[in-house]
Amino acid sequence: MKKKLSILLSIFIIMSLVKLALAEVNEKESILHTEYFGSLVKAKKIKKSGKIKLIPWDPYVKYSESIPDNKVLLQHTNKQDINYDEIWVKEMDDFQTPAEKRKYKGQQDIVKIYWLKNKVQASILEKYYVFNPITNTKIGKHKITEVLDRDSVLNKMTE
């Protein structure tokens, strides 16, 4: 009787561990093809640990605040402190022709997704700016315009 009970208990523990492992994999698998992020299959996956403060670019926030009915622009401009052990980086050029990809190389929007222990922590959107929208000075760099926390990313995955 004890032997049967220990076998059943062992099977239950193994099944629970397998279920837990599949749940972790499923979060990464389910984000690979979403309408919001597009296809992340070819995203660059960087195994690197660290801590980062994600802050939207101040001139973007100020410019967005100056636009009437700006709720959409300011929807995800919260600051976020996160730990991570992996970063996925994807240039958003899925719908461009090869000629457009060459013409705008290095200027596409960039999505970065931060992971910790196979759990999404946050996502950012970086847009390329030729000029600062407030001062009109030339910059020619990518700047963070959107910061999504874990809950927002999970919601975007289900949309």
Protein backbone atom coordinates (compact mmCIF):
# COMPACT_ATOMS: atom_id res chain seq x y z
CA MET A 1 0.00 0.00 0.00
CA LYS A 2 2.81 2.41 0.92
CA LYS A 3 4.60 1.56 -2.30
CA LYS A 4 1.50 2.34 -4.40
CA LEU A 5 0.99 5.60 -2.54
CA SER A 6 4.60 6.65 -3.06
CA ILE A 7 4.36 5.81 -6.79
CA LEU A 8 1.17 7.86 -7.14
CA LEU A 9 2.74 10.74 -5.24
CA SER A 10 5.84 10.56 -7.47
CA ILE A 11 3.70 10.60 -10.62
CA PHE A 12 1.77 13.60 -9.30
CA ILE A 13 4.98 15.50 -8.53
CA ILE A 14 6.45 14.71 -11.96
CA MET A 15 3.25 15.81 -13.71
CA SER A 16 3.23 19.04 -11.71
CA LEU A 17 6.85 19.77 -12.65
CA VAL A 18 6.16 19.06 -16.33
CA LYS A 19 3.10 21.32 -16.23
CA LEU A 20 5.15 24.09 -14.60
CA ALA A 21 7.91 23.75 -17.21
CA LEU A 22 5.36 23.90 -20.04
CA ALA A 23 3.77 27.02 -18.54
CA GLU A 24 7.16 28.79 -18.58
CA VAL A 25 7.81 27.80 -22.17
CA ASN A 26 4.30 28.81 -23.19
CA GLU A 27 4.84 32.46 -22.22
CA LYS A 28 7.76 32.72 -24.63
CA GLU A 29 6.03 30.60 -27.25
CA SER A 30 2.82 32.60 -27.09
CA ILE A 31 4.59 35.93 -27.64
CA LEU A 32 6.37 34.73 -30.80
CA HIS A 33 3.40 35.50 -33.07
CA THR A 34 1.17 38.28 -31.81
CA GLU A 35 -0.65 41.00 -33.65
CA TYR A 36 0.92 43.71 -31.51
CA PHE A 37 4.58 42.59 -31.71
CA GLY A 38 4.41 40.82 -35.07
CA SER A 39 6.63 37.80 -35.60
CA LEU A 40 9.45 37.59 -33.06
CA VAL A 41 10.86 34.33 -34.44
CA LYS A 42 13.85 36.16 -35.95
CA ALA A 43 14.30 38.53 -33.02
CA LYS A 44 17.85 38.77 -31.72
CA LYS A 45 17.95 36.94 -28.38
CA ILE A 46 20.62 38.25 -26.02
CA LYS A 47 21.47 36.24 -22.90
CA LYS A 48 22.61 38.98 -20.55
CA SER A 49 21.71 39.69 -16.94
CA GLY A 50 21.29 43.09 -15.41
CA LYS A 51 19.07 45.76 -14.01
CA ILE A 52 17.72 48.67 -16.06
CA LYS A 53 15.56 51.72 -15.57
CA LEU A 54 13.22 52.14 -18.53
CA ILE A 55 12.22 55.76 -18.99
CA PRO A 56 10.41 57.27 -21.97
CA TRP A 57 12.31 60.07 -23.72
CA ASP A 58 11.35 63.33 -22.02
CA PRO A 59 10.98 65.45 -25.22
CA TYR A 60 8.56 62.83 -26.60
CA VAL A 61 6.45 62.97 -23.44
CA LYS A 62 6.44 66.80 -23.43
CA TYR A 63 5.57 66.93 -27.12
CA SER A 64 2.78 64.36 -26.64
CA GLU A 65 1.37 66.38 -23.76
CA SER A 66 1.15 69.43 -26.02
CA ILE A 67 -1.11 67.62 -28.51
CA PRO A 68 -4.87 67.82 -27.87
CA ASP A 69 -6.54 64.46 -27.18
CA ASN A 70 -3.18 62.75 -26.56
CA LYS A 71 -4.43 59.77 -24.51
CA VAL A 72 -3.09 57.24 -27.03
CA LEU A 73 0.37 58.82 -27.19
CA LEU A 74 0.76 58.92 -23.41
CA GLN A 75 -0.81 55.53 -22.74
CA HIS A 76 2.41 53.67 -21.84
CA THR A 77 4.86 56.31 -20.65
CA ASN A 78 5.47 55.01 -17.14
CA LYS A 79 8.95 54.56 -15.72
CA GLN A 80 9.95 51.01 -14.88
CA ASP A 81 12.83 49.46 -12.91
CA ILE A 82 13.40 45.83 -13.86
CA ASN A 83 15.84 42.96 -13.51
CA TYR A 84 16.40 40.75 -16.54
CA ASP A 85 18.40 37.77 -17.76
CA GLU A 86 17.48 37.88 -21.46
CA ILE A 87 16.53 40.55 -24.01
CA TRP A 88 14.75 40.05 -27.32
CA VAL A 89 15.42 42.79 -29.88
CA LYS A 90 13.38 43.12 -33.08
CA GLU A 91 13.45 45.76 -35.82
CA MET A 92 9.88 46.30 -36.93
CA ASP A 93 10.35 45.96 -40.67
CA ASP A 94 8.01 43.03 -41.35
CA PHE A 95 5.83 44.91 -43.84
CA GLN A 96 8.57 46.66 -45.78
CA THR A 97 9.81 45.70 -49.21
CA PRO A 98 13.49 44.80 -49.59
CA ALA A 99 14.10 48.24 -51.15
CA GLU A 100 12.43 49.98 -48.18
CA LYS A 101 14.46 47.88 -45.76
CA ARG A 102 17.68 49.03 -47.45
CA LYS A 103 16.55 52.66 -47.66
CA TYR A 104 15.51 52.88 -44.00
CA LYS A 105 18.14 50.52 -42.54
CA GLY A 106 18.81 51.53 -38.95
CA GLN A 107 15.74 53.78 -38.79
CA GLN A 108 12.98 51.21 -38.18
CA ASP A 109 11.14 51.10 -34.88
CA ILE A 110 12.77 48.70 -32.42
CA VAL A 111 10.95 46.55 -29.88
CA LYS A 112 12.86 45.16 -26.91
CA ILE A 113 11.34 42.59 -24.59
CA TYR A 114 13.00 41.93 -21.25
CA TRP A 115 12.77 38.49 -19.59
CA LEU A 116 13.63 37.13 -16.17
CA LYS A 117 13.50 33.36 -15.59
CA ASN A 118 11.38 32.89 -18.74
CA LYS A 119 8.80 35.44 -17.55
CA VAL A 120 8.29 38.65 -19.47
CA GLN A 121 9.17 41.69 -17.34
CA ALA A 122 8.64 44.64 -19.67
CA SER A 123 8.76 45.80 -23.25
CA ILE A 124 9.87 49.06 -24.83
CA LEU A 125 9.35 50.68 -28.20
CA GLU A 126 12.18 52.79 -29.57
CA LYS A 127 11.45 55.15 -32.44
CA TYR A 128 14.06 56.81 -34.62
CA TYR A 129 14.10 60.60 -34.36
CA VAL A 130 15.93 62.83 -36.83
CA PHE A 131 15.10 65.94 -34.78
CA ASN A 132 14.16 66.65 -31.18
CA PRO A 133 10.44 67.59 -31.36
CA ILE A 134 10.85 70.28 -28.67
CA THR A 135 14.14 72.00 -29.58
CA ASN A 136 14.33 71.08 -33.31
CA THR A 137 17.99 70.12 -32.88
CA LYS A 138 19.28 67.25 -35.02
CA ILE A 139 19.81 64.00 -33.10
CA GLY A 140 19.44 60.99 -35.46
CA LYS A 141 18.96 58.38 -32.71
CA HIS A 142 16.47 55.85 -31.41
CA LYS A 143 14.62 56.99 -28.29
CA ILE A 144 12.23 55.15 -25.96
CA THR A 145 8.65 56.28 -26.56
CA GLU A 146 6.70 53.46 -24.92
CA VAL A 147 7.27 51.33 -21.82
CA LEU A 148 4.95 48.38 -21.21
CA ASP A 149 4.97 46.68 -17.81
CA ARG A 150 4.45 42.91 -17.45
CA ASP A 151 0.66 43.11 -17.23
CA SER A 152 0.44 45.34 -20.32
CA VAL A 153 2.64 42.97 -22.34
CA LEU A 154 0.51 39.99 -21.31
CA ASN A 155 -2.62 41.93 -22.32
CA LYS A 156 -1.07 42.78 -25.72
CA MET A 157 -0.33 39.07 -26.24
CA THR A 158 -4.03 38.23 -25.96
CA GLU A 159 -5.32 41.03 -28.20
